[in-house]
Amino acid sequence: MAGTINKVILIGHLGDNIKMHYFEGGNSIGRFPLATNETYTNKQTGDKVTTTEWHNIVVRNKLAEICEKYLTKGDKVYCEGRIKTRQWEGEDGAKRYTTEIHVADMTFLTTKKELTMPQPKTENKQTDTQKNETSATNAEDDDLPF
């Protein structure tokens, strides 16, 4: 293979709400922590052990605005992006590093807003003839082999 690949796929839960920063010219950037869990059984004790890995997620512009609007702490998301490492100098003069996942594609798997929305109520009004037709159809379906 001639080239290289820098691709990350994560499915996890937001550890906090999105922190947005807006820039001149209309650009924006959003940051949030994402938790992924791994569960295994300790062979010596037989106990189930869960470890959590935290990832620093970065989203930009339109995707950042959509995330800010619809996502909150605890929501589950699917993220695709690439790893980037940043370096800066701290207040004490020491070099600091952070590794981030710059997300290009995201799918919301569950959102709290989605779960708390009231489901539309549908009224089931049938006439007597419709009820009779339905019960007759159900009786015929009982003889089917599948």
N, C-alpha and C. Protein backbone atom coordinates (compact mmCIF):
# COMPACT_ATOMS: atom_id res chain seq x y z
N MET A 1 0.85 -1.17 0.00
CA MET A 1 0.00 0.00 0.00
C MET A 1 0.90 1.24 0.00
N ALA A 2 0.63 2.15 -0.89
CA ALA A 2 1.50 3.31 -1.07
C ALA A 2 1.21 4.42 -0.06
N GLY A 3 -0.04 4.58 0.35
CA GLY A 3 -0.41 5.69 1.22
C GLY A 3 -0.56 5.27 2.67
N THR A 4 -1.02 6.21 3.46
CA THR A 4 -1.29 5.94 4.87
C THR A 4 -2.73 6.30 5.16
N ILE A 5 -3.24 5.81 6.28
CA ILE A 5 -4.62 6.07 6.67
C ILE A 5 -4.65 6.57 8.11
N ASN A 6 -5.42 7.61 8.33
CA ASN A 6 -5.66 8.13 9.68
C ASN A 6 -7.17 8.21 9.81
N LYS A 7 -7.79 7.13 10.28
CA LYS A 7 -9.24 7.07 10.39
C LYS A 7 -9.62 6.46 11.73
N VAL A 8 -10.59 7.11 12.38
CA VAL A 8 -11.07 6.66 13.68
C VAL A 8 -12.58 6.50 13.60
N ILE A 9 -13.10 5.40 14.15
CA ILE A 9 -14.53 5.19 14.27
C ILE A 9 -14.82 4.92 15.75
N LEU A 10 -15.71 5.72 16.33
CA LEU A 10 -16.06 5.58 17.74
C LEU A 10 -17.57 5.56 17.90
N ILE A 11 -18.05 4.75 18.82
CA ILE A 11 -19.43 4.80 19.28
C ILE A 11 -19.36 4.94 20.79
N GLY A 12 -19.94 6.03 21.29
CA GLY A 12 -19.86 6.27 22.71
C GLY A 12 -20.89 7.29 23.18
N HIS A 13 -20.78 7.65 24.46
CA HIS A 13 -21.70 8.58 25.09
C HIS A 13 -21.00 9.90 25.40
N LEU A 14 -21.71 11.01 25.19
CA LEU A 14 -21.15 12.31 25.52
C LEU A 14 -20.95 12.42 27.02
N GLY A 15 -19.77 12.87 27.42
CA GLY A 15 -19.46 13.05 28.83
C GLY A 15 -19.86 14.41 29.35
N ASP A 16 -20.20 15.34 28.44
CA ASP A 16 -20.58 16.69 28.82
C ASP A 16 -21.28 17.32 27.63
N ASN A 17 -21.90 18.48 27.84
CA ASN A 17 -22.52 19.20 26.74
C ASN A 17 -21.44 19.80 25.84
N ILE A 18 -21.81 20.15 24.63
CA ILE A 18 -20.87 20.71 23.66
C ILE A 18 -20.47 22.12 24.09
N LYS A 19 -19.17 22.38 24.06
CA LYS A 19 -18.63 23.72 24.33
C LYS A 19 -18.34 24.36 22.98
N MET A 20 -19.05 25.44 22.66
CA MET A 20 -18.93 26.09 21.36
C MET A 20 -18.04 27.32 21.43
N HIS A 21 -17.32 27.56 20.35
CA HIS A 21 -16.53 28.78 20.16
C HIS A 21 -16.83 29.29 18.76
N TYR A 22 -17.17 30.57 18.66
CA TYR A 22 -17.49 31.17 17.37
C TYR A 22 -16.39 32.14 16.97
N PHE A 23 -16.08 32.17 15.68
CA PHE A 23 -15.01 33.01 15.16
C PHE A 23 -15.58 34.02 14.17
N GLU A 24 -14.77 35.03 13.88
CA GLU A 24 -15.16 36.00 12.86
C GLU A 24 -15.28 35.27 11.52
N GLY A 25 -16.20 35.71 10.71
CA GLY A 25 -16.40 35.06 9.42
C GLY A 25 -17.42 33.94 9.46
N GLY A 26 -18.00 33.68 10.63
CA GLY A 26 -19.05 32.68 10.74
C GLY A 26 -18.60 31.27 11.05
N ASN A 27 -17.31 31.03 11.17
CA ASN A 27 -16.85 29.68 11.50
C ASN A 27 -17.07 29.39 12.98
N SER A 28 -17.20 28.11 13.30
CA SER A 28 -17.39 27.71 14.69
C SER A 28 -16.71 26.37 14.93
N ILE A 29 -16.45 26.10 16.19
CA ILE A 29 -15.85 24.84 16.58
C ILE A 29 -16.52 24.39 17.88
N GLY A 30 -16.81 23.11 17.96
CA GLY A 30 -17.42 22.54 19.16
C GLY A 30 -16.53 21.43 19.70
N ARG A 31 -16.47 21.34 21.01
CA ARG A 31 -15.65 20.31 21.66
C ARG A 31 -16.48 19.62 22.74
N PHE A 32 -16.28 18.31 22.86
CA PHE A 32 -16.92 17.57 23.94
C PHE A 32 -16.17 16.26 24.18
N PRO A 33 -16.23 15.75 25.41
CA PRO A 33 -15.62 14.45 25.69
C PRO A 33 -16.58 13.32 25.32
N LEU A 34 -16.02 12.24 24.82
CA LEU A 34 -16.81 11.05 24.46
C LEU A 34 -16.24 9.86 25.20
N ALA A 35 -17.12 9.10 25.86
CA ALA A 35 -16.70 7.92 26.63
C ALA A 35 -17.02 6.65 25.85
N THR A 36 -16.02 5.78 25.73
CA THR A 36 -16.24 4.45 25.19
C THR A 36 -15.89 3.45 26.29
N ASN A 37 -16.64 2.38 26.37
CA ASN A 37 -16.47 1.39 27.43
C ASN A 37 -16.04 0.04 26.87
N GLU A 38 -15.26 -0.66 27.65
CA GLU A 38 -14.88 -2.03 27.33
C GLU A 38 -15.17 -2.87 28.56
N THR A 39 -15.88 -3.96 28.37
CA THR A 39 -16.21 -4.84 29.49
C THR A 39 -15.59 -6.22 29.23
N TYR A 40 -14.94 -6.74 30.25
CA TYR A 40 -14.36 -8.07 30.15
C TYR A 40 -14.47 -8.76 31.50
N THR A 41 -14.24 -10.07 31.51
CA THR A 41 -14.28 -10.84 32.74
C THR A 41 -12.86 -11.13 33.20
N ASN A 42 -12.57 -10.75 34.44
CA ASN A 42 -11.26 -11.03 35.03
C ASN A 42 -11.15 -12.54 35.24
N LYS A 43 -10.16 -13.17 34.61
CA LYS A 43 -10.03 -14.63 34.68
C LYS A 43 -9.70 -15.13 36.07
N GLN A 44 -9.01 -14.33 36.86
CA GLN A 44 -8.61 -14.77 38.20
C GLN A 44 -9.77 -14.68 39.19
N THR A 45 -10.56 -13.60 39.12
CA THR A 45 -11.63 -13.41 40.11
C THR A 45 -13.02 -13.75 39.56
N GLY A 46 -13.15 -13.77 38.22
CA GLY A 46 -14.45 -14.04 37.63
C GLY A 46 -15.36 -12.82 37.60
N ASP A 47 -14.86 -11.67 38.09
CA ASP A 47 -15.66 -10.44 38.11
C ASP A 47 -15.67 -9.79 36.74
N LYS A 48 -16.79 -9.13 36.44
CA LYS A 48 -16.85 -8.33 35.22
C LYS A 48 -16.22 -6.97 35.52
N VAL A 49 -15.33 -6.56 34.62
CA VAL A 49 -14.61 -5.30 34.78
C VAL A 49 -14.93 -4.41 33.58
N THR A 50 -15.30 -3.17 33.86
CA THR A 50 -15.57 -2.20 32.80
C THR A 50 -14.55 -1.09 32.88
N THR A 51 -13.89 -0.83 31.76
CA THR A 51 -12.95 0.28 31.69
C THR A 51 -13.50 1.32 30.72
N THR A 52 -13.30 2.58 31.06
CA THR A 52 -13.79 3.67 30.23
C THR A 52 -12.62 4.44 29.66
N GLU A 53 -12.67 4.68 28.37
CA GLU A 53 -11.66 5.48 27.69
C GLU A 53 -12.32 6.79 27.27
N TRP A 54 -11.66 7.91 27.54
CA TRP A 54 -12.20 9.23 27.19
C TRP A 54 -11.50 9.77 25.97
N HIS A 55 -12.28 10.33 25.04
CA HIS A 55 -11.77 10.89 23.80
C HIS A 55 -12.20 12.35 23.70
N ASN A 56 -11.28 13.21 23.26
CA ASN A 56 -11.60 14.62 23.04
C ASN A 56 -12.10 14.78 21.61
N ILE A 57 -13.37 15.11 21.45
CA ILE A 57 -13.99 15.21 20.14
C ILE A 57 -14.05 16.68 19.70
N VAL A 58 -13.73 16.92 18.43
CA VAL A 58 -13.80 18.26 17.85
C VAL A 58 -14.68 18.20 16.61
N VAL A 59 -15.68 19.08 16.55
CA VAL A 59 -16.54 19.21 15.37
C VAL A 59 -16.48 20.66 14.91
N ARG A 60 -16.68 20.89 13.62
CA ARG A 60 -16.54 22.24 13.08
C ARG A 60 -17.79 22.69 12.33
N ASN A 61 -17.96 23.99 12.32
CA ASN A 61 -18.93 24.71 11.51
C ASN A 61 -20.35 24.14 11.61
N LYS A 62 -20.95 23.71 10.51
CA LYS A 62 -22.35 23.28 10.50
C LYS A 62 -22.57 22.07 11.40
N LEU A 63 -21.65 21.11 11.36
CA LEU A 63 -21.78 19.93 12.22
C LEU A 63 -21.73 20.33 13.69
N ALA A 64 -20.89 21.29 14.03
CA ALA A 64 -20.81 21.76 15.42
C ALA A 64 -22.13 22.39 15.85
N GLU A 65 -22.74 23.18 14.97
CA GLU A 65 -24.00 23.83 15.30
C GLU A 65 -25.13 22.81 15.45
N ILE A 66 -25.13 21.79 14.62
CA ILE A 66 -26.14 20.73 14.73
C ILE A 66 -25.96 19.97 16.04
N CYS A 67 -24.72 19.66 16.39
CA CYS A 67 -24.44 18.96 17.65
C CYS A 67 -24.89 19.79 18.84
N GLU A 68 -24.60 21.08 18.81
CA GLU A 68 -25.00 21.96 19.90
C GLU A 68 -26.52 21.98 20.06
N LYS A 69 -27.22 21.95 18.94
CA LYS A 69 -28.68 22.03 18.97
C LYS A 69 -29.33 20.75 19.50
N TYR A 70 -28.81 19.60 19.12
CA TYR A 70 -29.50 18.34 19.40
C TYR A 70 -28.87 17.45 20.45
N LEU A 71 -27.61 17.62 20.77
CA LEU A 71 -26.94 16.69 21.69
C LEU A 71 -26.77 17.27 23.08
N THR A 72 -26.89 16.41 24.07
CA THR A 72 -26.62 16.77 25.45
C THR A 72 -25.85 15.63 26.11
N LYS A 73 -25.36 15.90 27.29
CA LYS A 73 -24.60 14.91 28.06
C LYS A 73 -25.37 13.60 28.15
N GLY A 74 -24.68 12.49 27.87
CA GLY A 74 -25.29 11.17 27.97
C GLY A 74 -25.78 10.60 26.65
N ASP A 75 -25.92 11.43 25.62
CA ASP A 75 -26.40 10.94 24.33
C ASP A 75 -25.37 10.02 23.68
N LYS A 76 -25.87 9.04 22.91
CA LYS A 76 -25.00 8.08 22.25
C LYS A 76 -24.84 8.49 20.78
N VAL A 77 -23.58 8.51 20.30
CA VAL A 77 -23.29 8.92 18.93
C VAL A 77 -22.28 7.99 18.28
N TYR A 78 -22.34 7.97 16.95
CA TYR A 78 -21.37 7.29 16.11
C TYR A 78 -20.54 8.37 15.45
N CYS A 79 -19.21 8.32 15.57
CA CYS A 79 -18.33 9.35 15.02
C CYS A 79 -17.29 8.72 14.11
N GLU A 80 -17.03 9.39 12.98
CA GLU A 80 -15.92 9.03 12.10
C GLU A 80 -15.06 10.25 11.91
N GLY A 81 -13.76 10.09 12.04
CA GLY A 81 -12.87 11.22 11.87
C GLY A 81 -11.43 10.78 11.83
N ARG A 82 -10.54 11.69 12.26
CA ARG A 82 -9.11 11.41 12.25
C ARG A 82 -8.47 11.92 13.54
N ILE A 83 -7.34 11.33 13.88
CA ILE A 83 -6.62 11.72 15.09
C ILE A 83 -5.70 12.89 14.77
N LYS A 84 -5.72 13.87 15.65
CA LYS A 84 -4.79 15.01 15.54
C LYS A 84 -4.21 15.29 16.92
N THR A 85 -2.93 15.60 16.96
CA THR A 85 -2.28 15.95 18.21
C THR A 85 -1.88 17.42 18.14
N ARG A 86 -2.24 18.16 19.18
CA ARG A 86 -1.88 19.59 19.27
C ARG A 86 -0.83 19.77 20.35
N GLN A 87 0.01 20.78 20.14
CA GLN A 87 1.05 21.11 21.12
C GLN A 87 0.96 22.61 21.41
N TRP A 88 1.13 22.96 22.68
CA TRP A 88 1.16 24.37 23.06
C TRP A 88 2.03 24.51 24.30
N GLU A 89 2.33 25.76 24.63
CA GLU A 89 3.15 26.02 25.80
C GLU A 89 2.25 26.49 26.93
N GLY A 90 2.35 25.83 28.07
CA GLY A 90 1.54 26.17 29.23
C GLY A 90 2.02 27.43 29.92
N GLU A 91 1.27 27.89 30.90
CA GLU A 91 1.62 29.10 31.65
C GLU A 91 2.96 28.97 32.36
N ASP A 92 3.30 27.73 32.72
CA ASP A 92 4.57 27.50 33.42
C ASP A 92 5.74 27.31 32.45
N GLY A 93 5.49 27.46 31.15
CA GLY A 93 6.54 27.34 30.15
C GLY A 93 6.76 25.92 29.64
N ALA A 94 6.06 24.95 30.22
CA ALA A 94 6.22 23.56 29.80
C ALA A 94 5.38 23.28 28.55
N LYS A 95 5.88 22.39 27.70
CA LYS A 95 5.12 21.99 26.51
C LYS A 95 4.00 21.07 26.94
N ARG A 96 2.83 21.31 26.38
CA ARG A 96 1.66 20.48 26.65
C ARG A 96 1.18 19.86 25.33
N TYR A 97 0.60 18.68 25.45
CA TYR A 97 0.08 17.98 24.27
C TYR A 97 -1.34 17.51 24.55
N THR A 98 -2.13 17.44 23.51
CA THR A 98 -3.45 16.82 23.62
C THR A 98 -3.74 16.10 22.32
N THR A 99 -4.42 14.99 22.42
CA THR A 99 -4.83 14.23 21.25
C THR A 99 -6.33 14.38 21.10
N GLU A 100 -6.76 14.73 19.88
CA GLU A 100 -8.18 14.98 19.61
C GLU A 100 -8.63 14.14 18.43
N ILE A 101 -9.92 13.91 18.39
CA ILE A 101 -10.54 13.26 17.25
C ILE A 101 -11.31 14.35 16.49
N HIS A 102 -10.86 14.68 15.29
CA HIS A 102 -11.54 15.67 14.46
C HIS A 102 -12.57 14.94 13.61
N VAL A 103 -13.83 15.13 13.95
CA VAL A 103 -14.93 14.36 13.36
C VAL A 103 -15.39 14.99 12.06
N ALA A 104 -15.53 14.15 11.03
CA ALA A 104 -16.03 14.59 9.73
C ALA A 104 -17.45 14.10 9.50
N ASP A 105 -17.83 12.97 10.13
CA ASP A 105 -19.16 12.40 9.93
C ASP A 105 -19.66 11.88 11.27
N MET A 106 -20.94 12.13 11.54
CA MET A 106 -21.50 11.74 12.82
C MET A 106 -22.96 11.30 12.63
N THR A 107 -23.35 10.30 13.37
CA THR A 107 -24.74 9.85 13.39
C THR A 107 -25.21 9.83 14.84
N PHE A 108 -26.35 10.44 15.10
CA PHE A 108 -26.93 10.43 16.44
C PHE A 108 -27.65 9.10 16.62
N LEU A 109 -27.24 8.33 17.60
CA LEU A 109 -27.87 7.03 17.85
C LEU A 109 -29.04 7.18 18.82
N THR A 110 -28.84 7.88 19.92
CA THR A 110 -29.93 8.20 20.84
C THR A 110 -29.68 9.60 21.37
N THR A 111 -30.75 10.36 21.47
CA THR A 111 -30.65 11.67 22.09
C THR A 111 -31.71 11.76 23.17
N LYS A 112 -31.41 12.45 24.24
CA LYS A 112 -32.39 12.60 25.32
C LYS A 112 -33.60 13.37 24.84
N LYS A 113 -33.39 14.33 23.95
CA LYS A 113 -34.52 15.10 23.41
C LYS A 113 -35.45 14.17 22.66
N GLU A 114 -34.87 13.21 21.95
CA GLU A 114 -35.66 12.24 21.18
C GLU A 114 -36.44 11.33 22.12
N LEU A 115 -35.81 10.92 23.21
CA LEU A 115 -36.45 9.99 24.14
C LEU A 115 -37.54 10.65 24.97
N THR A 116 -37.44 11.96 25.20
CA THR A 116 -38.43 12.63 26.04
C THR A 116 -39.56 13.27 25.25
N MET A 117 -39.47 13.24 23.92
CA MET A 117 -40.54 13.82 23.11
C MET A 117 -41.80 12.96 23.25
N PRO A 118 -42.96 13.58 23.45
CA PRO A 118 -44.19 12.80 23.55
C PRO A 118 -44.52 12.17 22.21
N GLN A 119 -44.91 10.92 22.26
CA GLN A 119 -45.30 10.22 21.05
C GLN A 119 -46.69 10.65 20.64
N PRO A 120 -46.92 10.86 19.33
CA PRO A 120 -48.26 11.27 18.91
C PRO A 120 -49.27 10.17 19.19
N LYS A 121 -50.41 10.58 19.69
CA LYS A 121 -51.47 9.62 19.99
C LYS A 121 -52.34 9.46 18.76
N THR A 122 -52.58 8.21 18.39
CA THR A 122 -53.45 7.95 17.25
C THR A 122 -54.72 7.32 17.77
N GLU A 123 -55.80 7.82 17.28
CA GLU A 123 -57.09 7.27 17.69
C GLU A 123 -57.46 6.17 16.72
N ASN A 124 -57.93 5.08 17.25
CA ASN A 124 -58.30 3.93 16.45
C ASN A 124 -59.82 3.87 16.36
N LYS A 125 -60.39 4.63 15.45
CA LYS A 125 -61.83 4.65 15.27
C LYS A 125 -62.18 3.76 14.09
N GLN A 126 -62.90 2.71 14.37
CA GLN A 126 -63.35 1.81 13.31
C GLN A 126 -64.85 1.67 13.41
N THR A 127 -65.43 1.53 12.25
CA THR A 127 -66.87 1.27 12.24
C THR A 127 -67.09 -0.19 12.56
N ASP A 128 -68.35 -0.56 12.86
CA ASP A 128 -68.66 -1.94 13.18
C ASP A 128 -68.33 -2.87 12.02
N THR A 129 -68.57 -2.42 10.79
CA THR A 129 -68.28 -3.28 9.64
C THR A 129 -66.77 -3.46 9.48
N GLN A 130 -65.98 -2.42 9.75
CA GLN A 130 -64.52 -2.55 9.67
C GLN A 130 -64.02 -3.52 10.73
N LYS A 131 -64.59 -3.47 11.95
CA LYS A 131 -64.18 -4.39 13.01
C LYS A 131 -64.51 -5.82 12.62
N ASN A 132 -65.68 -6.04 12.03
CA ASN A 132 -66.08 -7.39 11.61
C ASN A 132 -65.16 -7.90 10.50
N GLU A 133 -64.82 -7.02 9.54
CA GLU A 133 -63.92 -7.42 8.46
C GLU A 133 -62.54 -7.78 9.01
N THR A 134 -62.07 -7.00 9.97
CA THR A 134 -60.77 -7.25 10.57
C THR A 134 -60.75 -8.59 11.30
N SER A 135 -61.80 -8.90 12.07
CA SER A 135 -61.83 -10.15 12.80
C SER A 135 -61.97 -11.32 11.84
N ALA A 136 -62.68 -11.16 10.74
CA ALA A 136 -62.80 -12.22 9.75
C ALA A 136 -61.46 -12.46 9.07
N THR A 137 -60.74 -11.41 8.78
CA THR A 137 -59.42 -11.53 8.15
C THR A 137 -58.46 -12.24 9.10
N ASN A 138 -58.49 -11.91 10.38
CA ASN A 138 -57.62 -12.55 11.36
C ASN A 138 -57.93 -14.02 11.47
N ALA A 139 -59.19 -14.40 11.39
CA ALA A 139 -59.56 -15.81 11.48
C ALA A 139 -59.02 -16.57 10.27
N GLU A 140 -59.05 -15.94 9.10
CA GLU A 140 -58.51 -16.59 7.91
C GLU A 140 -57.00 -16.74 7.99
N ASP A 141 -56.33 -15.78 8.59
CA ASP A 141 -54.88 -15.81 8.71
C ASP A 141 -54.41 -16.94 9.61
N ASP A 142 -55.26 -17.41 10.52
CA ASP A 142 -54.87 -18.48 11.46
C ASP A 142 -54.57 -19.79 10.73
N ASP A 143 -55.17 -20.00 9.56
CA ASP A 143 -54.96 -21.24 8.83
C ASP A 143 -53.68 -21.24 8.01
N LEU A 144 -53.03 -20.10 7.91
CA LEU A 144 -51.83 -20.02 7.10
C LEU A 144 -50.67 -20.74 7.79
N PRO A 145 -49.83 -21.42 7.02
CA PRO A 145 -48.74 -22.19 7.64
C PRO A 145 -47.56 -21.33 8.10
N PHE A 146 -47.59 -20.05 7.89
CA PHE A 146 -46.44 -19.21 8.29
C PHE A 146 -46.85 -18.08 9.17
